[in-house]
């Protein structure tokens, strides 16, 4: 039986049981599914934020089509400026322009994380953020520590317990586990599409895609797309040996605590 025929069968059964017209039964069935989806996401988000530890991968991907600077003010220009500015800050030997991916550890309950992108590492703790060359003492970066930026690992998680709208969006495999996928409406940023994947208890993937497009007189449009993806796995991993006084360098081949490399999807 196809998915569409199965849904129609369920709607007819509901209509017969409740006495609702078919169209009303279909609408109410959808509302019930969305309410369950929102509850599922909120429960998994809260459980994830209460965990002591997890392994994570954080990926940033930028795509700027026809990226010549726009002379007109507005959201597109600001978005393009942020995109290019962020990339310039991070483009150093060993980091691909437009793509940044790193693995690390997250301690949701205490609000801190560390990620090594290979040639650039970050530590977020107590609402502040420090980044630089792997292995560098955080103390030497104290002056440069700033509030955690939008898009950081915890920022992506902390908005989800407050969501009120979600809808089922199929299934997606995350590191060998088949997860329920939902499209959610979260208070993150304008023009941002958010999808989450959950297993029986936790958030396993959060993806935020922000796109802005504007026409140019006599030319094709400029489109800027920023995609940020956070994967979580291995909840409860031992983090006692992590050194929070230095930016992580565990992605070097000889580091004994090196996290698993990406096995995305």
C-alpha atoms as a PDB file:
ATOM      1  CA  UNK A   1       0.000   0.000   0.000  1.00  0.00           C
ATOM      2  CA  UNK A   2       1.359   3.409  -0.945  1.00  0.00           C
ATOM      3  CA  UNK A   3       1.885   6.117   1.667  1.00  0.00           C
ATOM      4  CA  UNK A   4      -0.965   8.195   0.179  1.00  0.00           C
ATOM      5  CA  UNK A   5      -3.428   5.283   0.200  1.00  0.00           C
ATOM      6  CA  UNK A   6      -2.441   4.405   3.757  1.00  0.00           C
ATOM      7  CA  UNK A   7      -3.076   7.973   4.904  1.00  0.00           C
ATOM      8  CA  UNK A   8      -6.486   8.024   3.208  1.00  0.00           C
ATOM      9  CA  UNK A   9      -7.387   4.790   4.948  1.00  0.00           C
ATOM     10  CA  UNK A  10      -6.457   6.312   8.311  1.00  0.00           C
ATOM     11  CA  UNK A  11      -8.492   9.444   7.574  1.00  0.00           C
ATOM     12  CA  UNK A  12     -11.554   7.371   6.615  1.00  0.00           C
ATOM     13  CA  UNK A  13     -11.202   5.349   9.813  1.00  0.00           C
ATOM     14  CA  UNK A  14     -11.016   8.527  11.879  1.00  0.00           C
ATOM     15  CA  UNK A  15     -14.013  10.026  10.095  1.00  0.00           C
ATOM     16  CA  UNK A  16     -16.030   6.865  10.746  1.00  0.00           C
ATOM     17  CA  UNK A  17     -15.053   6.839  14.426  1.00  0.00           C
ATOM     18  CA  UNK A  18     -15.648  10.546  15.125  1.00  0.00           C
ATOM     19  CA  UNK A  19     -18.423  11.380  12.649  1.00  0.00           C
ATOM     20  CA  UNK A  20     -16.267  14.189  11.196  1.00  0.00           C
ATOM     21  CA  UNK A  21     -16.456  14.963   7.479  1.00  0.00           C
ATOM     22  CA  UNK A  22     -13.494  13.567   5.557  1.00  0.00           C
ATOM     23  CA  UNK A  23     -11.884  17.016   5.095  1.00  0.00           C
ATOM     24  CA  UNK A  24     -12.207  17.823   8.799  1.00  0.00           C
ATOM     25  CA  UNK A  25     -10.808  14.446   9.784  1.00  0.00           C
ATOM     26  CA  UNK A  26      -7.831  15.006   7.464  1.00  0.00           C
ATOM     27  CA  UNK A  27      -7.166  18.461   8.910  1.00  0.00           C
ATOM     28  CA  UNK A  28      -7.448  17.281  12.505  1.00  0.00           C
ATOM     29  CA  UNK A  29      -5.242  14.281  11.809  1.00  0.00           C
ATOM     30  CA  UNK A  30      -2.555  16.636  10.529  1.00  0.00           C
ATOM     31  CA  UNK A  31      -2.913  18.887  13.580  1.00  0.00           C
ATOM     32  CA  UNK A  32      -2.567  15.883  15.906  1.00  0.00           C
ATOM     33  CA  UNK A  33       0.559  14.756  14.061  1.00  0.00           C
ATOM     34  CA  UNK A  34       2.108  18.222  14.278  1.00  0.00           C
ATOM     35  CA  UNK A  35       1.332  18.494  17.995  1.00  0.00           C
ATOM     36  CA  UNK A  36       2.976  15.109  18.586  1.00  0.00           C
ATOM     37  CA  UNK A  37       5.966  16.179  16.489  1.00  0.00           C
ATOM     38  CA  UNK A  38       6.501  19.339  18.548  1.00  0.00           C
ATOM     39  CA  UNK A  39       6.239  17.380  21.800  1.00  0.00           C
ATOM     40  CA  UNK A  40       8.705  14.795  20.520  1.00  0.00           C
ATOM     41  CA  UNK A  41      11.274  17.447  19.562  1.00  0.00           C
ATOM     42  CA  UNK A  42      10.911  19.323  22.857  1.00  0.00           C
ATOM     43  CA  UNK A  43      11.282  16.137  24.928  1.00  0.00           C
ATOM     44  CA  UNK A  44      14.402  15.074  23.025  1.00  0.00           C
ATOM     45  CA  UNK A  45      15.877  18.580  23.213  1.00  0.00           C
ATOM     46  CA  UNK A  46      15.440  18.693  26.983  1.00  0.00           C
ATOM     47  CA  UNK A  47      16.924  15.223  27.414  1.00  0.00           C
ATOM     48  CA  UNK A  48      19.906  16.181  25.257  1.00  0.00           C
ATOM     49  CA  UNK A  49      20.576  19.415  27.155  1.00  0.00           C
ATOM     50  CA  UNK A  50      20.492  17.474  30.431  1.00  0.00           C
ATOM     51  CA  UNK A  51      23.190  15.015  29.296  1.00  0.00           C
ATOM     52  CA  UNK A  52      26.639  15.162  30.848  1.00  0.00           C
ATOM     53  CA  UNK A  53      28.538  14.664  27.586  1.00  0.00           C
ATOM     54  CA  UNK A  54      28.454  13.652  23.933  1.00  0.00           C
ATOM     55  CA  UNK A  55      30.659  13.558  20.882  1.00  0.00           C
ATOM     56  CA  UNK A  56      29.795  16.109  18.224  1.00  0.00           C
ATOM     57  CA  UNK A  57      30.581  17.153  14.688  1.00  0.00           C
ATOM     58  CA  UNK A  58      29.892  20.728  13.638  1.00  0.00           C
ATOM     59  CA  UNK A  59      29.833  21.621   9.944  1.00  0.00           C
ATOM     60  CA  UNK A  60      29.541  25.034   8.275  1.00  0.00           C
ATOM     61  CA  UNK A  61      28.952  25.340   4.534  1.00  0.00           C
ATOM     62  CA  UNK A  62      28.672  28.611   2.636  1.00  0.00           C
ATOM     63  CA  UNK A  63      27.640  29.054  -0.971  1.00  0.00           C
ATOM     64  CA  UNK A  64      27.718  32.498  -2.572  1.00  0.00           C
ATOM     65  CA  UNK A  65      26.437  32.563  -6.144  1.00  0.00           C
ATOM     66  CA  UNK A  66      27.389  35.633  -8.198  1.00  0.00           C
ATOM     67  CA  UNK A  67      29.092  36.961  -5.136  1.00  0.00           C
ATOM     68  CA  UNK A  68      30.183  40.374  -6.433  1.00  0.00           C
ATOM     69  CA  UNK A  69      29.384  42.923  -3.687  1.00  0.00           C
ATOM     70  CA  UNK A  70      25.936  44.431  -3.904  1.00  0.00           C
ATOM     71  CA  UNK A  71      25.733  48.227  -3.697  1.00  0.00           C
ATOM     72  CA  UNK A  72      22.199  48.195  -2.347  1.00  0.00           C
ATOM     73  CA  UNK A  73      21.709  47.982   1.429  1.00  0.00           C
ATOM     74  CA  UNK A  74      19.556  45.347   3.065  1.00  0.00           C
ATOM     75  CA  UNK A  75      19.575  41.840   4.535  1.00  0.00           C
ATOM     76  CA  UNK A  76      21.343  40.281   1.544  1.00  0.00           C
ATOM     77  CA  UNK A  77      24.300  42.582   1.754  1.00  0.00           C
ATOM     78  CA  UNK A  78      24.589  42.065   5.489  1.00  0.00           C
ATOM     79  CA  UNK A  79      24.329  38.280   5.084  1.00  0.00           C
ATOM     80  CA  UNK A  80      26.941  38.237   2.317  1.00  0.00           C
ATOM     81  CA  UNK A  81      29.210  40.400   4.443  1.00  0.00           C
ATOM     82  CA  UNK A  82      28.869  38.092   7.415  1.00  0.00           C
ATOM     83  CA  UNK A  83      29.470  35.052   5.223  1.00  0.00           C
ATOM     84  CA  UNK A  84      32.631  36.352   3.623  1.00  0.00           C
ATOM     85  CA  UNK A  85      33.883  37.896   6.851  1.00  0.00           C
ATOM     86  CA  UNK A  86      33.453  34.668   8.783  1.00  0.00           C
ATOM     87  CA  UNK A  87      35.156  32.668   6.077  1.00  0.00           C
ATOM     88  CA  UNK A  88      38.117  35.067   5.878  1.00  0.00           C
ATOM     89  CA  UNK A  89      38.598  34.748   9.619  1.00  0.00           C
ATOM     90  CA  UNK A  90      38.790  30.980   9.364  1.00  0.00           C
ATOM     91  CA  UNK A  91      40.492  30.408   6.022  1.00  0.00           C
ATOM     92  CA  UNK A  92      43.998  29.388   7.002  1.00  0.00           C
ATOM     93  CA  UNK A  93      46.208  26.598   5.624  1.00  0.00           C
ATOM     94  CA  UNK A  94      44.345  23.302   5.786  1.00  0.00           C
ATOM     95  CA  UNK A  95      40.844  24.804   5.828  1.00  0.00           C
ATOM     96  CA  UNK A  96      38.750  24.771   2.680  1.00  0.00           C
ATOM     97  CA  UNK A  97      37.160  28.103   1.748  1.00  0.00           C
ATOM     98  CA  UNK A  98      33.390  27.837   2.159  1.00  0.00           C
ATOM     99  CA  UNK A  99      33.493  24.658   4.218  1.00  0.00           C
ATOM    100  CA  UNK A 100      34.425  24.091   7.834  1.00  0.00           C
ATOM    101  CA  UNK A 101      33.975  20.769   9.642  1.00  0.00           C
ATOM    102  CA  UNK A 102      35.272  19.734  13.023  1.00  0.00           C
ATOM    103  CA  UNK A 103      34.744  17.106  15.686  1.00  0.00           C
ATOM    104  CA  UNK A 104      34.803  17.486  19.418  1.00  0.00           C
ATOM    105  CA  UNK A 105      33.001  17.089  22.701  1.00  0.00           C
ATOM    106  CA  UNK A 106      29.964  18.760  24.186  1.00  0.00           C
ATOM    107  CA  UNK A 107      28.957  18.939  27.840  1.00  0.00           C
ATOM    108  CA  UNK A 108      25.355  20.149  27.528  1.00  0.00           C
ATOM    109  CA  UNK A 109      24.520  20.176  31.234  1.00  0.00           C
ATOM    110  CA  UNK A 110      27.495  22.411  32.074  1.00  0.00           C
ATOM    111  CA  UNK A 111      27.240  24.517  28.933  1.00  0.00           C
ATOM    112  CA  UNK A 112      30.633  24.004  27.361  1.00  0.00           C
ATOM    113  CA  UNK A 113      32.164  22.377  24.293  1.00  0.00           C
ATOM    114  CA  UNK A 114      35.414  22.070  22.377  1.00  0.00           C
ATOM    115  CA  UNK A 115      35.791  21.502  18.639  1.00  0.00           C
ATOM    116  CA  UNK A 116      38.909  20.927  16.549  1.00  0.00           C
ATOM    117  CA  UNK A 117      38.498  21.820  12.875  1.00  0.00           C
ATOM    118  CA  UNK A 118      41.997  20.618  12.051  1.00  0.00           C
ATOM    119  CA  UNK A 119      43.832  23.929  11.616  1.00  0.00           C
ATOM    120  CA  UNK A 120      41.499  25.949  13.831  1.00  0.00           C
ATOM    121  CA  UNK A 121      39.978  25.074  17.208  1.00  0.00           C
ATOM    122  CA  UNK A 122      37.382  26.589  19.511  1.00  0.00           C
ATOM    123  CA  UNK A 123      36.232  26.327  23.094  1.00  0.00           C
ATOM    124  CA  UNK A 124      32.866  27.619  24.257  1.00  0.00           C
ATOM    125  CA  UNK A 125      32.287  27.888  27.996  1.00  0.00           C
ATOM    126  CA  UNK A 126      30.204  30.001  30.358  1.00  0.00           C
ATOM    127  CA  UNK A 127      28.660  31.907  27.465  1.00  0.00           C
ATOM    128  CA  UNK A 128      32.001  32.942  25.966  1.00  0.00           C
ATOM    129  CA  UNK A 129      33.963  31.724  22.990  1.00  0.00           C
ATOM    130  CA  UNK A 130      37.669  31.472  22.139  1.00  0.00           C
ATOM    131  CA  UNK A 131      39.278  30.273  18.946  1.00  0.00           C
ATOM    132  CA  UNK A 132      42.713  29.959  17.394  1.00  0.00           C
ATOM    133  CA  UNK A 133      45.455  27.524  16.544  1.00  0.00           C
ATOM    134  CA  UNK A 134      45.034  24.064  18.108  1.00  0.00           C
ATOM    135  CA  UNK A 135      46.931  23.568  21.338  1.00  0.00           C
ATOM    136  CA  UNK A 136      47.155  27.251  22.228  1.00  0.00           C
ATOM    137  CA  UNK A 137      46.537  28.171  25.868  1.00  0.00           C
ATOM    138  CA  UNK A 138      43.080  29.644  26.404  1.00  0.00           C
ATOM    139  CA  UNK A 139      44.606  32.016  28.961  1.00  0.00           C
ATOM    140  CA  UNK A 140      46.553  33.742  26.198  1.00  0.00           C
ATOM    141  CA  UNK A 141      43.265  34.286  24.354  1.00  0.00           C
ATOM    142  CA  UNK A 142      41.407  35.715  27.323  1.00  0.00           C
ATOM    143  CA  UNK A 143      41.393  39.238  25.893  1.00  0.00           C
ATOM    144  CA  UNK A 144      39.986  37.918  22.641  1.00  0.00           C
ATOM    145  CA  UNK A 145      37.178  35.903  24.206  1.00  0.00           C
ATOM    146  CA  UNK A 146      33.765  37.028  22.967  1.00  0.00           C
ATOM    147  CA  UNK A 147      30.111  36.035  23.512  1.00  0.00           C
ATOM    148  CA  UNK A 148      29.289  32.767  21.791  1.00  0.00           C
ATOM    149  CA  UNK A 149      28.282  33.563  18.204  1.00  0.00           C
ATOM    150  CA  UNK A 150      24.983  32.691  16.599  1.00  0.00           C
ATOM    151  CA  UNK A 151      25.408  29.270  15.042  1.00  0.00           C
ATOM    152  CA  UNK A 152      27.637  27.792  17.710  1.00  0.00           C
ATOM    153  CA  UNK A 153      26.943  24.274  18.987  1.00  0.00           C
ATOM    154  CA  UNK A 154      24.912  25.230  22.056  1.00  0.00           C
ATOM    155  CA  UNK A 155      23.052  28.030  20.284  1.00  0.00           C
ATOM    156  CA  UNK A 156      21.599  25.436  17.927  1.00  0.00           C
ATOM    157  CA  UNK A 157      20.346  23.301  20.815  1.00  0.00           C
ATOM    158  CA  UNK A 158      19.112  25.875  23.296  1.00  0.00           C
ATOM    159  CA  UNK A 159      16.380  27.247  21.043  1.00  0.00           C
ATOM    160  CA  UNK A 160      14.680  23.889  20.544  1.00  0.00           C
ATOM    161  CA  UNK A 161      12.937  23.322  23.911  1.00  0.00           C
ATOM    162  CA  UNK A 162      10.823  26.403  23.197  1.00  0.00           C
ATOM    163  CA  UNK A 163       9.529  25.398  19.762  1.00  0.00           C
ATOM    164  CA  UNK A 164       5.777  25.206  19.295  1.00  0.00           C
ATOM    165  CA  UNK A 165       5.565  24.099  15.659  1.00  0.00           C
ATOM    166  CA  UNK A 166       6.970  20.984  14.031  1.00  0.00           C
ATOM    167  CA  UNK A 167       5.877  18.590  11.328  1.00  0.00           C
ATOM    168  CA  UNK A 168       7.034  15.103  10.399  1.00  0.00           C
ATOM    169  CA  UNK A 169       9.477  15.186   7.481  1.00  0.00           C
ATOM    170  CA  UNK A 170      10.340  11.550   6.935  1.00  0.00           C
ATOM    171  CA  UNK A 171      13.381   9.712   8.226  1.00  0.00           C
ATOM    172  CA  UNK A 172      17.131  10.233   8.015  1.00  0.00           C
ATOM    173  CA  UNK A 173      20.084   8.084   8.965  1.00  0.00           C
ATOM    174  CA  UNK A 174      22.550   9.677  11.368  1.00  0.00           C
ATOM    175  CA  UNK A 175      25.750   7.714  11.959  1.00  0.00           C
ATOM    176  CA  UNK A 176      24.112   4.358  11.448  1.00  0.00           C
ATOM    177  CA  UNK A 177      20.926   5.127  13.404  1.00  0.00           C
ATOM    178  CA  UNK A 178      17.644   5.690  11.564  1.00  0.00           C
ATOM    179  CA  UNK A 179      16.031   8.781  13.069  1.00  0.00           C
ATOM    180  CA  UNK A 180      12.721  10.592  12.852  1.00  0.00           C
ATOM    181  CA  UNK A 181      13.154  13.890  10.984  1.00  0.00           C
ATOM    182  CA  UNK A 182      11.086  16.982  11.678  1.00  0.00           C
ATOM    183  CA  UNK A 183      10.899  20.414  10.128  1.00  0.00           C
ATOM    184  CA  UNK A 184      10.541  22.888  12.979  1.00  0.00           C
ATOM    185  CA  UNK A 185       9.913  26.562  13.456  1.00  0.00           C
ATOM    186  CA  UNK A 186      12.458  27.917  15.919  1.00  0.00           C
ATOM    187  CA  UNK A 187      13.365  31.430  17.002  1.00  0.00           C
ATOM    188  CA  UNK A 188      16.805  31.371  15.421  1.00  0.00           C
ATOM    189  CA  UNK A 189      17.024  33.905  12.610  1.00  0.00           C
ATOM    190  CA  UNK A 190      14.834  35.214   9.777  1.00  0.00           C
ATOM    191  CA  UNK A 191      14.703  33.092   6.639  1.00  0.00           C
ATOM    192  CA  UNK A 192      16.197  30.083   8.407  1.00  0.00           C
ATOM    193  CA  UNK A 193      14.888  26.578   7.740  1.00  0.00           C
ATOM    194  CA  UNK A 194      15.497  24.193  10.633  1.00  0.00           C
ATOM    195  CA  UNK A 195      15.294  20.413  10.583  1.00  0.00           C
ATOM    196  CA  UNK A 196      16.087  18.053  13.437  1.00  0.00           C
ATOM    197  CA  UNK A 197      16.599  14.310  13.652  1.00  0.00           C
ATOM    198  CA  UNK A 198      15.783  12.438  16.849  1.00  0.00           C
ATOM    199  CA  UNK A 199      16.124   8.867  18.008  1.00  0.00           C
ATOM    200  CA  UNK A 200      14.216   7.290  20.881  1.00  0.00           C
ATOM    201  CA  UNK A 201      15.568   9.820  23.384  1.00  0.00           C
ATOM    202  CA  UNK A 202      17.989  12.433  22.027  1.00  0.00           C
ATOM    203  CA  UNK A 203      18.529  14.991  19.335  1.00  0.00           C
ATOM    204  CA  UNK A 204      20.956  13.448  16.876  1.00  0.00           C
ATOM    205  CA  UNK A 205      21.164  16.134  14.194  1.00  0.00           C
ATOM    206  CA  UNK A 206      20.216  19.802  13.965  1.00  0.00           C
ATOM    207  CA  UNK A 207      20.502  21.533  10.590  1.00  0.00           C
ATOM    208  CA  UNK A 208      19.922  25.238   9.972  1.00  0.00           C
ATOM    209  CA  UNK A 209      19.837  26.550   6.403  1.00  0.00           C
ATOM    210  CA  UNK A 210      19.682  30.292   5.836  1.00  0.00           C
ATOM    211  CA  UNK A 211      19.176  31.564   2.299  1.00  0.00           C
ATOM    212  CA  UNK A 212      18.839  35.064   0.919  1.00  0.00           C
ATOM    213  CA  UNK A 213      18.387  36.067  -2.711  1.00  0.00           C
ATOM    214  CA  UNK A 214      18.167  39.484  -4.365  1.00  0.00           C
ATOM    215  CA  UNK A 215      17.966  40.519  -8.026  1.00  0.00           C
ATOM    216  CA  UNK A 216      20.550  42.745  -9.693  1.00  0.00           C
ATOM    217  CA  UNK A 217      19.674  45.161 -12.445  1.00  0.00           C
ATOM    218  CA  UNK A 218      20.582  43.639 -15.779  1.00  0.00           C
ATOM    219  CA  UNK A 219      22.232  40.614 -14.174  1.00  0.00           C
ATOM    220  CA  UNK A 220      21.318  37.379 -12.474  1.00  0.00           C
ATOM    221  CA  UNK A 221      20.451  37.319  -8.768  1.00  0.00           C
ATOM    222  CA  UNK A 222      22.886  36.941  -5.917  1.00  0.00           C
ATOM    223  CA  UNK A 223      22.091  34.018  -3.652  1.00  0.00           C
ATOM    224  CA  UNK A 224      23.829  33.401  -0.355  1.00  0.00           C
ATOM    225  CA  UNK A 225      23.230  30.103   1.449  1.00  0.00           C
ATOM    226  CA  UNK A 226      24.640  29.205   4.839  1.00  0.00           C
ATOM    227  CA  UNK A 227      24.132  25.669   6.163  1.00  0.00           C
ATOM    228  CA  UNK A 228      25.130  24.669   9.687  1.00  0.00           C
ATOM    229  CA  UNK A 229      24.826  21.065  10.856  1.00  0.00           C
ATOM    230  CA  UNK A 230      25.407  19.676  14.329  1.00  0.00           C
ATOM    231  CA  UNK A 231      25.595  15.893  14.837  1.00  0.00           C
ATOM    232  CA  UNK A 232      25.580  14.299  18.300  1.00  0.00           C
ATOM    233  CA  UNK A 233      26.392  10.733  19.309  1.00  0.00           C
ATOM    234  CA  UNK A 234      28.046   8.620  22.017  1.00  0.00           C
ATOM    235  CA  UNK A 235      26.139  10.227  24.886  1.00  0.00           C
ATOM    236  CA  UNK A 236      27.845   9.799  28.252  1.00  0.00           C
ATOM    237  CA  UNK A 237      31.330   9.507  26.736  1.00  0.00           C
ATOM    238  CA  UNK A 238      34.160   9.855  29.269  1.00  0.00           C
ATOM    239  CA  UNK A 239      35.447  13.449  29.228  1.00  0.00           C
ATOM    240  CA  UNK A 240      37.493  13.412  32.436  1.00  0.00           C
ATOM    241  CA  UNK A 241      40.797  13.652  30.577  1.00  0.00           C
ATOM    242  CA  UNK A 242      39.890  16.677  28.456  1.00  0.00           C
ATOM    243  CA  UNK A 243      42.087  19.734  29.004  1.00  0.00           C
ATOM    244  CA  UNK A 244      39.890  22.828  29.003  1.00  0.00           C
ATOM    245  CA  UNK A 245      42.872  25.138  29.524  1.00  0.00           C
ATOM    246  CA  UNK A 246      44.004  24.709  25.903  1.00  0.00           C
ATOM    247  CA  UNK A 247      42.326  24.764  22.524  1.00  0.00           C
ATOM    248  CA  UNK A 248      41.849  21.150  21.419  1.00  0.00           C
ATOM    249  CA  UNK A 249      44.309  19.468  19.098  1.00  0.00           C
ATOM    250  CA  UNK A 250      42.886  15.953  19.151  1.00  0.00           C
ATOM    251  CA  UNK A 251      42.399  15.815  15.374  1.00  0.00           C
ATOM    252  CA  UNK A 252      46.127  15.404  14.932  1.00  0.00           C
ATOM    253  CA  UNK A 253      46.778  11.797  13.822  1.00  0.00           C
ATOM    254  CA  UNK A 254      48.783  10.885  16.919  1.00  0.00           C
ATOM    255  CA  UNK A 255      46.386  12.251  19.539  1.00  0.00           C
ATOM    256  CA  UNK A 256      45.091   9.386  21.755  1.00  0.00           C
ATOM    257  CA  UNK A 257      41.722  11.030  22.368  1.00  0.00           C
ATOM    258  CA  UNK A 258      40.931  11.776  18.744  1.00  0.00           C
ATOM    259  CA  UNK A 259      37.147  11.651  18.189  1.00  0.00           C
ATOM    260  CA  UNK A 260      35.716   9.595  15.371  1.00  0.00           C
ATOM    261  CA  UNK A 261      35.915  11.211  11.987  1.00  0.00           C
ATOM    262  CA  UNK A 262      32.742  12.015  10.101  1.00  0.00           C
ATOM    263  CA  UNK A 263      30.577   9.154   8.945  1.00  0.00           C
ATOM    264  CA  UNK A 264      27.772  11.450   7.781  1.00  0.00           C
ATOM    265  CA  UNK A 265      25.017  11.223   6.636  1.00  0.00           C
END
